[in-house]
Amino acid sequence: MTPTQVAAIFKMPGEDRLKHFLETVSKNKLAYGISDDEGWALLGDNDDTDILPIFQSPELAEAFREAAGFKDYEVEELDWELLEEWLPELDEDGAMVAVCPNTRFEGPIEEPGRLLEALRV
């Protein structure tokens, strides 16, 4: 994916990015997160809810990582088996998922269980 393509996806409205994420991850059975030796990069909200950003391509995850200042973090692949195991656990923990947030931290926030259901369609 070129920088121009990354920029074009980040300019899409959140719902369009969600749709693109669902289509791509359902087809490729891969998503991408950002992690370091201590765990996954998390965002937060005013209620102290943990929000995990995930992406449909490593290029999108890398662009977000750089913009967010996660210098000691790396982009990590999340295969389908891990997603099927992990999303229900996040749901039980009360965490949320930021689906392909752009470099301004804008994007749809989804319940992990609902996101998994949408990916299985």
PDB file of N, CA and C in Angstrom:
ATOM      1  N   MET A   1       0.847  -1.170   0.000  1.00  0.00           N
ATOM      2  CA  MET A   1       0.000   0.000   0.000  1.00  0.00           C
ATOM      3  C   MET A   1       0.897   1.239   0.000  1.00  0.00           C
ATOM      4  N   THR A   2       0.617   2.149  -0.886  1.00  0.00           N
ATOM      5  CA  THR A   2       1.428   3.360  -1.011  1.00  0.00           C
ATOM      6  C   THR A   2       1.003   4.405   0.025  1.00  0.00           C
ATOM      7  N   PRO A   3       1.862   5.384   0.293  1.00  0.00           N
ATOM      8  CA  PRO A   3       1.468   6.469   1.205  1.00  0.00           C
ATOM      9  C   PRO A   3       0.207   7.200   0.725  1.00  0.00           C
ATOM     10  N   THR A   4       0.033   7.315  -0.571  1.00  0.00           N
ATOM     11  CA  THR A   4      -1.167   7.956  -1.113  1.00  0.00           C
ATOM     12  C   THR A   4      -2.412   7.141  -0.781  1.00  0.00           C
ATOM     13  N   GLN A   5      -2.312   5.817  -0.881  1.00  0.00           N
ATOM     14  CA  GLN A   5      -3.443   4.948  -0.542  1.00  0.00           C
ATOM     15  C   GLN A   5      -3.752   5.013   0.955  1.00  0.00           C
ATOM     16  N   VAL A   6      -2.707   5.036   1.766  1.00  0.00           N
ATOM     17  CA  VAL A   6      -2.896   5.163   3.220  1.00  0.00           C
ATOM     18  C   VAL A   6      -3.634   6.458   3.538  1.00  0.00           C
ATOM     19  N   ALA A   7      -3.169   7.563   2.951  1.00  0.00           N
ATOM     20  CA  ALA A   7      -3.808   8.858   3.188  1.00  0.00           C
ATOM     21  C   ALA A   7      -5.262   8.847   2.740  1.00  0.00           C
ATOM     22  N   ALA A   8      -5.541   8.208   1.604  1.00  0.00           N
ATOM     23  CA  ALA A   8      -6.913   8.151   1.094  1.00  0.00           C
ATOM     24  C   ALA A   8      -7.819   7.372   2.040  1.00  0.00           C
ATOM     25  N   ILE A   9      -7.325   6.278   2.597  1.00  0.00           N
ATOM     26  CA  ILE A   9      -8.141   5.495   3.540  1.00  0.00           C
ATOM     27  C   ILE A   9      -8.381   6.298   4.818  1.00  0.00           C
ATOM     28  N   PHE A  10      -7.351   6.968   5.324  1.00  0.00           N
ATOM     29  CA  PHE A  10      -7.511   7.759   6.543  1.00  0.00           C
ATOM     30  C   PHE A  10      -8.450   8.948   6.344  1.00  0.00           C
ATOM     31  N   LYS A  11      -8.629   9.404   5.119  1.00  0.00           N
ATOM     32  CA  LYS A  11      -9.556  10.509   4.846  1.00  0.00           C
ATOM     33  C   LYS A  11     -11.006  10.039   4.733  1.00  0.00           C
ATOM     34  N   MET A  12     -11.214   8.728   4.581  1.00  0.00           N
ATOM     35  CA  MET A  12     -12.570   8.184   4.464  1.00  0.00           C
ATOM     36  C   MET A  12     -13.345   8.413   5.764  1.00  0.00           C
ATOM     37  N   PRO A  13     -14.648   8.600   5.665  1.00  0.00           N
ATOM     38  CA  PRO A  13     -15.452   8.656   6.897  1.00  0.00           C
ATOM     39  C   PRO A  13     -15.297   7.354   7.693  1.00  0.00           C
ATOM     40  N   GLY A  14     -15.458   7.453   8.996  1.00  0.00           N
ATOM     41  CA  GLY A  14     -15.277   6.290   9.862  1.00  0.00           C
ATOM     42  C   GLY A  14     -16.070   5.070   9.448  1.00  0.00           C
ATOM     43  N   GLU A  15     -17.315   5.255   9.076  1.00  0.00           N
ATOM     44  CA  GLU A  15     -18.141   4.108   8.682  1.00  0.00           C
ATOM     45  C   GLU A  15     -17.607   3.439   7.420  1.00  0.00           C
ATOM     46  N   ASP A  16     -17.061   4.220   6.511  1.00  0.00           N
ATOM     47  CA  ASP A  16     -16.461   3.640   5.307  1.00  0.00           C
ATOM     48  C   ASP A  16     -15.186   2.877   5.648  1.00  0.00           C
ATOM     49  N   ARG A  17     -14.399   3.413   6.593  1.00  0.00           N
ATOM     50  CA  ARG A  17     -13.202   2.694   7.033  1.00  0.00           C
ATOM     51  C   ARG A  17     -13.581   1.394   7.733  1.00  0.00           C
ATOM     52  N   LEU A  18     -14.665   1.413   8.502  1.00  0.00           N
ATOM     53  CA  LEU A  18     -15.141   0.200   9.156  1.00  0.00           C
ATOM     54  C   LEU A  18     -15.529  -0.835   8.110  1.00  0.00           C
ATOM     55  N   LYS A  19     -16.268  -0.418   7.115  1.00  0.00           N
ATOM     56  CA  LYS A  19     -16.686  -1.343   6.049  1.00  0.00           C
ATOM     57  C   LYS A  19     -15.462  -1.917   5.327  1.00  0.00           C
ATOM     58  N   HIS A  20     -14.502  -1.065   5.007  1.00  0.00           N
ATOM     59  CA  HIS A  20     -13.278  -1.515   4.335  1.00  0.00           C
ATOM     60  C   HIS A  20     -12.513  -2.493   5.220  1.00  0.00           C
ATOM     61  N   PHE A  21     -12.428  -2.204   6.514  1.00  0.00           N
ATOM     62  CA  PHE A  21     -11.772  -3.099   7.469  1.00  0.00           C
ATOM     63  C   PHE A  21     -12.453  -4.461   7.473  1.00  0.00           C
ATOM     64  N   LEU A  22     -13.767  -4.470   7.598  1.00  0.00           N
ATOM     65  CA  LEU A  22     -14.508  -5.734   7.654  1.00  0.00           C
ATOM     66  C   LEU A  22     -14.302  -6.556   6.390  1.00  0.00           C
ATOM     67  N   GLU A  23     -14.389  -5.913   5.240  1.00  0.00           N
ATOM     68  CA  GLU A  23     -14.195  -6.621   3.970  1.00  0.00           C
ATOM     69  C   GLU A  23     -12.784  -7.194   3.860  1.00  0.00           C
ATOM     70  N   THR A  24     -11.793  -6.390   4.187  1.00  0.00           N
ATOM     71  CA  THR A  24     -10.397  -6.802   4.031  1.00  0.00           C
ATOM     72  C   THR A  24     -10.018  -7.899   5.021  1.00  0.00           C
ATOM     73  N   VAL A  25     -10.371  -7.726   6.288  1.00  0.00           N
ATOM     74  CA  VAL A  25     -10.002  -8.710   7.301  1.00  0.00           C
ATOM     75  C   VAL A  25     -10.775 -10.009   7.102  1.00  0.00           C
ATOM     76  N   SER A  26     -12.037  -9.931   6.711  1.00  0.00           N
ATOM     77  CA  SER A  26     -12.809 -11.144   6.445  1.00  0.00           C
ATOM     78  C   SER A  26     -12.192 -11.939   5.295  1.00  0.00           C
ATOM     79  N   LYS A  27     -11.705 -11.225   4.300  1.00  0.00           N
ATOM     80  CA  LYS A  27     -11.105 -11.877   3.123  1.00  0.00           C
ATOM     81  C   LYS A  27      -9.716 -12.438   3.438  1.00  0.00           C
ATOM     82  N   ASN A  28      -8.862 -11.614   4.059  1.00  0.00           N
ATOM     83  CA  ASN A  28      -7.467 -12.000   4.286  1.00  0.00           C
ATOM     84  C   ASN A  28      -7.227 -12.771   5.576  1.00  0.00           C
ATOM     85  N   LYS A  29      -8.202 -12.713   6.488  1.00  0.00           N
ATOM     86  CA  LYS A  29      -8.091 -13.365   7.796  1.00  0.00           C
ATOM     87  C   LYS A  29      -6.891 -12.861   8.598  1.00  0.00           C
ATOM     88  N   LEU A  30      -6.573 -11.568   8.411  1.00  0.00           N
ATOM     89  CA  LEU A  30      -5.479 -10.923   9.133  1.00  0.00           C
ATOM     90  C   LEU A  30      -5.864  -9.508   9.520  1.00  0.00           C
ATOM     91  N   ALA A  31      -5.413  -9.102  10.686  1.00  0.00           N
ATOM     92  CA  ALA A  31      -5.515  -7.709  11.111  1.00  0.00           C
ATOM     93  C   ALA A  31      -4.162  -7.358  11.715  1.00  0.00           C
ATOM     94  N   TYR A  32      -3.998  -6.092  12.106  1.00  0.00           N
ATOM     95  CA  TYR A  32      -2.710  -5.643  12.624  1.00  0.00           C
ATOM     96  C   TYR A  32      -2.928  -4.727  13.818  1.00  0.00           C
ATOM     97  N   GLY A  33      -2.090  -4.918  14.825  1.00  0.00           N
ATOM     98  CA  GLY A  33      -2.108  -4.072  16.000  1.00  0.00           C
ATOM     99  C   GLY A  33      -0.718  -3.507  16.233  1.00  0.00           C
ATOM    100  N   ILE A  34      -0.563  -2.816  17.329  1.00  0.00           N
ATOM    101  CA  ILE A  34       0.707  -2.183  17.676  1.00  0.00           C
ATOM    102  C   ILE A  34       1.068  -2.649  19.081  1.00  0.00           C
ATOM    103  N   SER A  35       2.274  -3.206  19.244  1.00  0.00           N
ATOM    104  CA  SER A  35       2.656  -3.729  20.557  1.00  0.00           C
ATOM    105  C   SER A  35       4.120  -3.440  20.869  1.00  0.00           C
ATOM    106  N   ASP A  36       4.457  -3.627  22.145  1.00  0.00           N
ATOM    107  CA  ASP A  36       5.850  -3.578  22.588  1.00  0.00           C
ATOM    108  C   ASP A  36       6.056  -4.765  23.519  1.00  0.00           C
ATOM    109  N   ASP A  37       7.176  -4.806  24.211  1.00  0.00           N
ATOM    110  CA  ASP A  37       7.484  -5.936  25.091  1.00  0.00           C
ATOM    111  C   ASP A  37       6.494  -6.090  26.237  1.00  0.00           C
ATOM    112  N   GLU A  38       5.794  -5.016  26.565  1.00  0.00           N
ATOM    113  CA  GLU A  38       4.882  -5.055  27.705  1.00  0.00           C
ATOM    114  C   GLU A  38       3.434  -5.298  27.311  1.00  0.00           C
ATOM    115  N   GLY A  39       3.123  -5.265  26.031  1.00  0.00           N
ATOM    116  CA  GLY A  39       1.747  -5.524  25.610  1.00  0.00           C
ATOM    117  C   GLY A  39       1.335  -4.648  24.449  1.00  0.00           C
ATOM    118  N   TRP A  40       0.044  -4.571  24.266  1.00  0.00           N
ATOM    119  CA  TRP A  40      -0.549  -3.861  23.132  1.00  0.00           C
ATOM    120  C   TRP A  40      -0.718  -2.382  23.433  1.00  0.00           C
ATOM    121  N   ALA A  41      -0.556  -1.587  22.405  1.00  0.00           N
ATOM    122  CA  ALA A  41      -0.821  -0.154  22.528  1.00  0.00           C
ATOM    123  C   ALA A  41      -2.315   0.023  22.748  1.00  0.00           C
ATOM    124  N   LEU A  42      -2.645   0.812  23.734  1.00  0.00           N
ATOM    125  CA  LEU A  42      -4.047   1.073  24.041  1.00  0.00           C
ATOM    126  C   LEU A  42      -4.291   2.565  24.057  1.00  0.00           C
ATOM    127  N   LEU A  43      -5.469   2.917  23.635  1.00  0.00           N
ATOM    128  CA  LEU A  43      -5.943   4.291  23.741  1.00  0.00           C
ATOM    129  C   LEU A  43      -6.927   4.295  24.895  1.00  0.00           C
ATOM    130  N   GLY A  44      -7.344   5.441  25.326  1.00  0.00           N
ATOM    131  CA  GLY A  44      -8.312   5.526  26.412  1.00  0.00           C
ATOM    132  C   GLY A  44      -9.359   6.569  26.109  1.00  0.00           C
ATOM    133  N   ASP A  45     -10.399   6.566  26.907  1.00  0.00           N
ATOM    134  CA  ASP A  45     -11.431   7.592  26.770  1.00  0.00           C
ATOM    135  C   ASP A  45     -11.647   8.241  28.127  1.00  0.00           C
ATOM    136  N   ASN A  46     -12.628   9.101  28.217  1.00  0.00           N
ATOM    137  CA  ASN A  46     -12.897   9.824  29.462  1.00  0.00           C
ATOM    138  C   ASN A  46     -13.368   8.918  30.596  1.00  0.00           C
ATOM    139  N   ASP A  47     -13.825   7.704  30.255  1.00  0.00           N
ATOM    140  CA  ASP A  47     -14.291   6.759  31.262  1.00  0.00           C
ATOM    141  C   ASP A  47     -13.227   5.737  31.637  1.00  0.00           C
ATOM    142  N   ASP A  48     -11.981   5.961  31.190  1.00  0.00           N
ATOM    143  CA  ASP A  48     -10.869   5.030  31.435  1.00  0.00           C
ATOM    144  C   ASP A  48     -11.089   3.650  30.810  1.00  0.00           C
ATOM    145  N   THR A  49     -11.843   3.599  29.736  1.00  0.00           N
ATOM    146  CA  THR A  49     -12.026   2.355  28.998  1.00  0.00           C
ATOM    147  C   THR A  49     -10.808   2.131  28.111  1.00  0.00           C
ATOM    148  N   ASP A  50     -10.263   0.912  28.142  1.00  0.00           N
ATOM    149  CA  ASP A  50      -9.171   0.578  27.245  1.00  0.00           C
ATOM    150  C   ASP A  50      -9.717   0.411  25.831  1.00  0.00           C
ATOM    151  N   ILE A  51      -9.034   1.025  24.882  1.00  0.00           N
ATOM    152  CA  ILE A  51      -9.454   0.950  23.484  1.00  0.00           C
ATOM    153  C   ILE A  51      -8.253   0.496  22.664  1.00  0.00           C
ATOM    154  N   LEU A  52      -8.398  -0.643  22.030  1.00  0.00           N
ATOM    155  CA  LEU A  52      -7.334  -1.242  21.240  1.00  0.00           C
ATOM    156  C   LEU A  52      -7.471  -0.826  19.779  1.00  0.00           C
ATOM    157  N   PRO A  53      -6.491  -0.114  19.216  1.00  0.00           N
ATOM    158  CA  PRO A  53      -6.562   0.204  17.787  1.00  0.00           C
ATOM    159  C   PRO A  53      -6.112  -0.986  16.939  1.00  0.00           C
ATOM    160  N   ILE A  54      -6.924  -1.356  15.956  1.00  0.00           N
ATOM    161  CA  ILE A  54      -6.515  -2.403  15.019  1.00  0.00           C
ATOM    162  C   ILE A  54      -6.786  -1.934  13.593  1.00  0.00           C
ATOM    163  N   PHE A  55      -6.048  -2.522  12.670  1.00  0.00           N
ATOM    164  CA  PHE A  55      -6.018  -2.066  11.280  1.00  0.00           C
ATOM    165  C   PHE A  55      -6.066  -3.249  10.329  1.00  0.00           C
ATOM    166  N   GLN A  56      -6.417  -2.964   9.080  1.00  0.00           N
ATOM    167  CA  GLN A  56      -6.509  -4.000   8.067  1.00  0.00           C
ATOM    168  C   GLN A  56      -5.234  -4.163   7.250  1.00  0.00           C
ATOM    169  N   SER A  57      -4.247  -3.308   7.474  1.00  0.00           N
ATOM    170  CA  SER A  57      -2.974  -3.457   6.752  1.00  0.00           C
ATOM    171  C   SER A  57      -1.832  -2.984   7.641  1.00  0.00           C
ATOM    172  N   PRO A  58      -0.639  -3.530   7.427  1.00  0.00           N
ATOM    173  CA  PRO A  58       0.498  -3.079   8.224  1.00  0.00           C
ATOM    174  C   PRO A  58       0.873  -1.629   7.938  1.00  0.00           C
ATOM    175  N   GLU A  59       0.629  -1.173   6.733  1.00  0.00           N
ATOM    176  CA  GLU A  59       0.948   0.210   6.383  1.00  0.00           C
ATOM    177  C   GLU A  59       0.079   1.205   7.148  1.00  0.00           C
ATOM    178  N   LEU A  60      -1.194   0.888   7.306  1.00  0.00           N
ATOM    179  CA  LEU A  60      -2.088   1.756   8.081  1.00  0.00           C
ATOM    180  C   LEU A  60      -1.668   1.766   9.554  1.00  0.00           C
ATOM    181  N   ALA A  61      -1.358   0.585  10.074  1.00  0.00           N
ATOM    182  CA  ALA A  61      -0.919   0.493  11.469  1.00  0.00           C
ATOM    183  C   ALA A  61       0.375   1.277  11.682  1.00  0.00           C
ATOM    184  N   GLU A  62       1.290   1.179  10.727  1.00  0.00           N
ATOM    185  CA  GLU A  62       2.568   1.898  10.850  1.00  0.00           C
ATOM    186  C   GLU A  62       2.364   3.408  10.800  1.00  0.00           C
ATOM    187  N   ALA A  63       1.522   3.880   9.908  1.00  0.00           N
ATOM    188  CA  ALA A  63       1.251   5.320   9.821  1.00  0.00           C
ATOM    189  C   ALA A  63       0.641   5.828  11.129  1.00  0.00           C
ATOM    190  N   PHE A  64      -0.283   5.056  11.700  1.00  0.00           N
ATOM    191  CA  PHE A  64      -0.885   5.442  12.976  1.00  0.00           C
ATOM    192  C   PHE A  64       0.163   5.408  14.095  1.00  0.00           C
ATOM    193  N   ARG A  65       0.988   4.354  14.120  1.00  0.00           N
ATOM    194  CA  ARG A  65       2.027   4.218  15.145  1.00  0.00           C
ATOM    195  C   ARG A  65       2.931   5.446  15.161  1.00  0.00           C
ATOM    196  N   GLU A  66       3.357   5.866  13.982  1.00  0.00           N
ATOM    197  CA  GLU A  66       4.228   7.033  13.882  1.00  0.00           C
ATOM    198  C   GLU A  66       3.519   8.306  14.346  1.00  0.00           C
ATOM    199  N   ALA A  67       2.288   8.497  13.904  1.00  0.00           N
ATOM    200  CA  ALA A  67       1.537   9.701  14.259  1.00  0.00           C
ATOM    201  C   ALA A  67       1.218   9.751  15.752  1.00  0.00           C
ATOM    202  N   ALA A  68       0.999   8.588  16.354  1.00  0.00           N
ATOM    203  CA  ALA A  68       0.637   8.520  17.772  1.00  0.00           C
ATOM    204  C   ALA A  68       1.851   8.613  18.693  1.00  0.00           C
ATOM    205  N   GLY A  69       3.034   8.544  18.129  1.00  0.00           N
ATOM    206  CA  GLY A  69       4.238   8.645  18.942  1.00  0.00           C
ATOM    207  C   GLY A  69       4.583   7.373  19.700  1.00  0.00           C
ATOM    208  N   PHE A  70       4.112   6.233  19.203  1.00  0.00           N
ATOM    209  CA  PHE A  70       4.439   4.950  19.820  1.00  0.00           C
ATOM    210  C   PHE A  70       5.801   4.483  19.299  1.00  0.00           C
ATOM    211  N   LYS A  71       6.858   5.207  19.679  1.00  0.00           N
ATOM    212  CA  LYS A  71       8.193   4.979  19.118  1.00  0.00           C
ATOM    213  C   LYS A  71       8.770   3.612  19.454  1.00  0.00           C
ATOM    214  N   ASP A  72       8.498   3.104  20.633  1.00  0.00           N
ATOM    215  CA  ASP A  72       9.068   1.819  21.047  1.00  0.00           C
ATOM    216  C   ASP A  72       8.177   0.631  20.702  1.00  0.00           C
ATOM    217  N   TYR A  73       7.147   0.877  19.943  1.00  0.00           N
ATOM    218  CA  TYR A  73       6.196  -0.171  19.566  1.00  0.00           C
ATOM    219  C   TYR A  73       6.465  -0.631  18.138  1.00  0.00           C
ATOM    220  N   GLU A  74       5.955  -1.820  17.814  1.00  0.00           N
ATOM    221  CA  GLU A  74       6.059  -2.368  16.470  1.00  0.00           C
ATOM    222  C   GLU A  74       4.685  -2.827  16.009  1.00  0.00           C
ATOM    223  N   VAL A  75       4.518  -2.857  14.709  1.00  0.00           N
ATOM    224  CA  VAL A  75       3.294  -3.388  14.122  1.00  0.00           C
ATOM    225  C   VAL A  75       3.354  -4.911  14.216  1.00  0.00           C
ATOM    226  N   GLU A  76       2.259  -5.500  14.667  1.00  0.00           N
ATOM    227  CA  GLU A  76       2.212  -6.949  14.831  1.00  0.00           C
ATOM    228  C   GLU A  76       0.974  -7.522  14.151  1.00  0.00           C
ATOM    229  N   GLU A  77       1.173  -8.626  13.470  1.00  0.00           N
ATOM    230  CA  GLU A  77       0.080  -9.303  12.765  1.00  0.00           C
ATOM    231  C   GLU A  77      -0.815 -10.054  13.756  1.00  0.00           C
ATOM    232  N   LEU A  78      -2.107  -9.989  13.500  1.00  0.00           N
ATOM    233  CA  LEU A  78      -3.103 -10.722  14.285  1.00  0.00           C
ATOM    234  C   LEU A  78      -3.820 -11.665  13.329  1.00  0.00           C
ATOM    235  N   ASP A  79      -3.531 -12.959  13.424  1.00  0.00           N
ATOM    236  CA  ASP A  79      -4.190 -13.890  12.507  1.00  0.00           C
ATOM    237  C   ASP A  79      -5.602 -14.203  12.994  1.00  0.00           C
ATOM    238  N   TRP A  80      -6.355 -14.876  12.148  1.00  0.00           N
ATOM    239  CA  TRP A  80      -7.766 -15.131  12.415  1.00  0.00           C
ATOM    240  C   TRP A  80      -7.979 -15.899  13.720  1.00  0.00           C
ATOM    241  N   GLU A  81      -7.160 -16.925  13.972  1.00  0.00           N
ATOM    242  CA  GLU A  81      -7.317 -17.715  15.195  1.00  0.00           C
ATOM    243  C   GLU A  81      -7.146 -16.840  16.437  1.00  0.00           C
ATOM    244  N   LEU A  82      -6.169 -15.952  16.399  1.00  0.00           N
ATOM    245  CA  LEU A  82      -5.952 -15.051  17.525  1.00  0.00           C
ATOM    246  C   LEU A  82      -7.135 -14.094  17.693  1.00  0.00           C
ATOM    247  N   LEU A  83      -7.640 -13.560  16.592  1.00  0.00           N
ATOM    248  CA  LEU A  83      -8.793 -12.660  16.673  1.00  0.00           C
ATOM    249  C   LEU A  83     -10.001 -13.371  17.276  1.00  0.00           C
ATOM    250  N   GLU A  84     -10.256 -14.608  16.857  1.00  0.00           N
ATOM    251  CA  GLU A  84     -11.407 -15.358  17.379  1.00  0.00           C
ATOM    252  C   GLU A  84     -11.274 -15.645  18.869  1.00  0.00           C
ATOM    253  N   GLU A  85     -10.066 -15.790  19.333  1.00  0.00           N
ATOM    254  CA  GLU A  85      -9.828 -16.039  20.749  1.00  0.00           C
ATOM    255  C   GLU A  85      -9.813 -14.741  21.552  1.00  0.00           C
ATOM    256  N   TRP A  86      -9.213 -13.738  20.977  1.00  0.00           N
ATOM    257  CA  TRP A  86      -8.903 -12.517  21.687  1.00  0.00           C
ATOM    258  C   TRP A  86     -10.070 -11.546  21.798  1.00  0.00           C
ATOM    259  N   LEU A  87     -10.849 -11.382  20.732  1.00  0.00           N
ATOM    260  CA  LEU A  87     -11.947 -10.410  20.767  1.00  0.00           C
ATOM    261  C   LEU A  87     -12.974 -10.731  21.857  1.00  0.00           C
ATOM    262  N   PRO A  88     -13.383 -11.994  22.051  1.00  0.00           N
ATOM    263  CA  PRO A  88     -14.295 -12.275  23.175  1.00  0.00           C
ATOM    264  C   PRO A  88     -13.680 -11.951  24.540  1.00  0.00           C
ATOM    265  N   GLU A  89     -12.370 -12.174  24.688  1.00  0.00           N
ATOM    266  CA  GLU A  89     -11.708 -11.838  25.953  1.00  0.00           C
ATOM    267  C   GLU A  89     -11.728 -10.333  26.197  1.00  0.00           C
ATOM    268  N   LEU A  90     -11.483  -9.558  25.145  1.00  0.00           N
ATOM    269  CA  LEU A  90     -11.555  -8.102  25.279  1.00  0.00           C
ATOM    270  C   LEU A  90     -12.962  -7.663  25.663  1.00  0.00           C
ATOM    271  N   ASP A  91     -13.956  -8.322  25.071  1.00  0.00           N
ATOM    272  CA  ASP A  91     -15.357  -8.017  25.369  1.00  0.00           C
ATOM    273  C   ASP A  91     -15.640  -8.261  26.854  1.00  0.00           C
ATOM    274  N   GLU A  92     -15.183  -9.399  27.356  1.00  0.00           N
ATOM    275  CA  GLU A  92     -15.391  -9.734  28.766  1.00  0.00           C
ATOM    276  C   GLU A  92     -14.710  -8.726  29.698  1.00  0.00           C
ATOM    277  N   ASP A  93     -13.575  -8.188  29.252  1.00  0.00           N
ATOM    278  CA  ASP A  93     -12.834  -7.215  30.055  1.00  0.00           C
ATOM    279  C   ASP A  93     -13.395  -5.795  29.959  1.00  0.00           C
ATOM    280  N   GLY A  94     -14.397  -5.600  29.119  1.00  0.00           N
ATOM    281  CA  GLY A  94     -14.993  -4.281  28.971  1.00  0.00           C
ATOM    282  C   GLY A  94     -14.197  -3.341  28.083  1.00  0.00           C
ATOM    283  N   ALA A  95     -13.260  -3.883  27.332  1.00  0.00           N
ATOM    284  CA  ALA A  95     -12.466  -3.061  26.416  1.00  0.00           C
ATOM    285  C   ALA A  95     -13.260  -2.818  25.129  1.00  0.00           C
ATOM    286  N   MET A  96     -12.774  -1.882  24.346  1.00  0.00           N
ATOM    287  CA  MET A  96     -13.383  -1.569  23.055  1.00  0.00           C
ATOM    288  C   MET A  96     -12.290  -1.629  21.991  1.00  0.00           C
ATOM    289  N   VAL A  97     -12.722  -1.590  20.725  1.00  0.00           N
ATOM    290  CA  VAL A  97     -11.783  -1.639  19.607  1.00  0.00           C
ATOM    291  C   VAL A  97     -11.963  -0.385  18.756  1.00  0.00           C
ATOM    292  N   ALA A  98     -10.854   0.307  18.503  1.00  0.00           N
ATOM    293  CA  ALA A  98     -10.845   1.425  17.551  1.00  0.00           C
ATOM    294  C   ALA A  98     -10.489   0.816  16.200  1.00  0.00           C
ATOM    295  N   VAL A  99     -11.433   0.870  15.276  1.00  0.00           N
ATOM    296  CA  VAL A  99     -11.237   0.250  13.970  1.00  0.00           C
ATOM    297  C   VAL A  99     -10.613   1.258  13.015  1.00  0.00           C
ATOM    298  N   CYS A 100      -9.368   0.997  12.666  1.00  0.00           N
ATOM    299  CA  CYS A 100      -8.615   1.819  11.718  1.00  0.00           C
ATOM    300  C   CYS A 100      -8.722   3.310  12.029  1.00  0.00           C
ATOM    301  N   PRO A 101      -8.337   3.698  13.260  1.00  0.00           N
ATOM    302  CA  PRO A 101      -8.354   5.137  13.546  1.00  0.00           C
ATOM    303  C   PRO A 101      -7.321   5.854  12.680  1.00  0.00           C
ATOM    304  N   ASN A 102      -7.663   7.055  12.262  1.00  0.00           N
ATOM    305  CA  ASN A 102      -6.721   7.811  11.434  1.00  0.00           C
ATOM    306  C   ASN A 102      -5.687   8.505  12.317  1.00  0.00           C
ATOM    307  N   THR A 103      -4.834   9.275  11.711  1.00  0.00           N
ATOM    308  CA  THR A 103      -3.745   9.911  12.444  1.00  0.00           C
ATOM    309  C   THR A 103      -4.219  11.045  13.350  1.00  0.00           C
ATOM    310  N   ARG A 104      -5.503  11.376  13.288  1.00  0.00           N
ATOM    311  CA  ARG A 104      -6.100  12.351  14.213  1.00  0.00           C
ATOM    312  C   ARG A 104      -6.897  11.625  15.298  1.00  0.00           C
ATOM    313  N   PHE A 105      -6.698  10.303  15.401  1.00  0.00           N
ATOM    314  CA  PHE A 105      -7.351   9.450  16.394  1.00  0.00           C
ATOM    315  C   PHE A 105      -8.866   9.396  16.194  1.00  0.00           C
ATOM    316  N   GLU A 106      -9.320   9.581  14.972  1.00  0.00           N
ATOM    317  CA  GLU A 106     -10.748   9.504  14.661  1.00  0.00           C
ATOM    318  C   GLU A 106     -11.039   8.161  14.012  1.00  0.00           C
ATOM    319  N   GLY A 107     -12.136   7.556  14.432  1.00  0.00           N
ATOM    320  CA  GLY A 107     -12.540   6.293  13.836  1.00  0.00           C
ATOM    321  C   GLY A 107     -13.622   5.642  14.669  1.00  0.00           C
ATOM    322  N   PRO A 108     -14.278   4.662  14.084  1.00  0.00           N
ATOM    323  CA  PRO A 108     -15.348   3.992  14.815  1.00  0.00           C
ATOM    324  C   PRO A 108     -14.810   3.166  15.987  1.00  0.00           C
ATOM    325  N   ILE A 109     -15.538   3.225  17.085  1.00  0.00           N
ATOM    326  CA  ILE A 109     -15.219   2.434  18.273  1.00  0.00           C
ATOM    327  C   ILE A 109     -16.288   1.350  18.361  1.00  0.00           C
ATOM    328  N   GLU A 110     -15.833   0.108  18.388  1.00  0.00           N
ATOM    329  CA  GLU A 110     -16.755  -1.029  18.354  1.00  0.00           C
ATOM    330  C   GLU A 110     -16.565  -1.931  19.567  1.00  0.00           C
ATOM    331  N   GLU A 111     -17.639  -2.588  19.964  1.00  0.00           N
ATOM    332  CA  GLU A 111     -17.547  -3.632  20.975  1.00  0.00           C
ATOM    333  C   GLU A 111     -16.858  -4.829  20.323  1.00  0.00           C
ATOM    334  N   PRO A 112     -15.887  -5.447  20.994  1.00  0.00           N
ATOM    335  CA  PRO A 112     -15.151  -6.550  20.379  1.00  0.00           C
ATOM    336  C   PRO A 112     -16.029  -7.712  19.924  1.00  0.00           C
ATOM    337  N   GLY A 113     -17.034  -8.071  20.711  1.00  0.00           N
ATOM    338  CA  GLY A 113     -17.922  -9.176  20.335  1.00  0.00           C
ATOM    339  C   GLY A 113     -18.713  -8.880  19.070  1.00  0.00           C
ATOM    340  N   ARG A 114     -19.215  -7.655  18.971  1.00  0.00           N
ATOM    341  CA  ARG A 114     -19.960  -7.258  17.765  1.00  0.00           C
ATOM    342  C   ARG A 114     -19.046  -7.219  16.553  1.00  0.00           C
ATOM    343  N   LEU A 115     -17.814  -6.774  16.755  1.00  0.00           N
ATOM    344  CA  LEU A 115     -16.861  -6.730  15.652  1.00  0.00           C
ATOM    345  C   LEU A 115     -16.572  -8.149  15.150  1.00  0.00           C
ATOM    346  N   LEU A 116     -16.377  -9.090  16.048  1.00  0.00           N
ATOM    347  CA  LEU A 116     -16.134 -10.468  15.648  1.00  0.00           C
ATOM    348  C   LEU A 116     -17.315 -11.026  14.878  1.00  0.00           C
ATOM    349  N   GLU A 117     -18.527 -10.768  15.350  1.00  0.00           N
ATOM    350  CA  GLU A 117     -19.712 -11.224  14.625  1.00  0.00           C
ATOM    351  C   GLU A 117     -19.757 -10.662  13.216  1.00  0.00           C
ATOM    352  N   ALA A 118     -19.444  -9.380  13.068  1.00  0.00           N
ATOM    353  CA  ALA A 118     -19.452  -8.748  11.749  1.00  0.00           C
ATOM    354  C   ALA A 118     -18.364  -9.338  10.854  1.00  0.00           C
ATOM    355  N   LEU A 119     -17.237  -9.725  11.428  1.00  0.00           N
ATOM    356  CA  LEU A 119     -16.164 -10.317  10.630  1.00  0.00           C
ATOM    357  C   LEU A 119     -16.509 -11.723  10.159  1.00  0.00           C
ATOM    358  N   ARG A 120     -17.370 -12.404  10.902  1.00  0.00           N
ATOM    359  CA  ARG A 120     -17.739 -13.792  10.542  1.00  0.00           C
ATOM    360  C   ARG A 120     -18.771 -13.859   9.431  1.00  0.00           C
ATOM    361  N   VAL A 121     -19.402 -12.766   9.093  1.00  0.00           N
ATOM    362  CA  VAL A 121     -20.455 -12.774   8.064  1.00  0.00           C
ATOM    363  C   VAL A 121     -19.866 -13.041   6.709  1.00  0.00           C
TER     364      VAL A 121
END
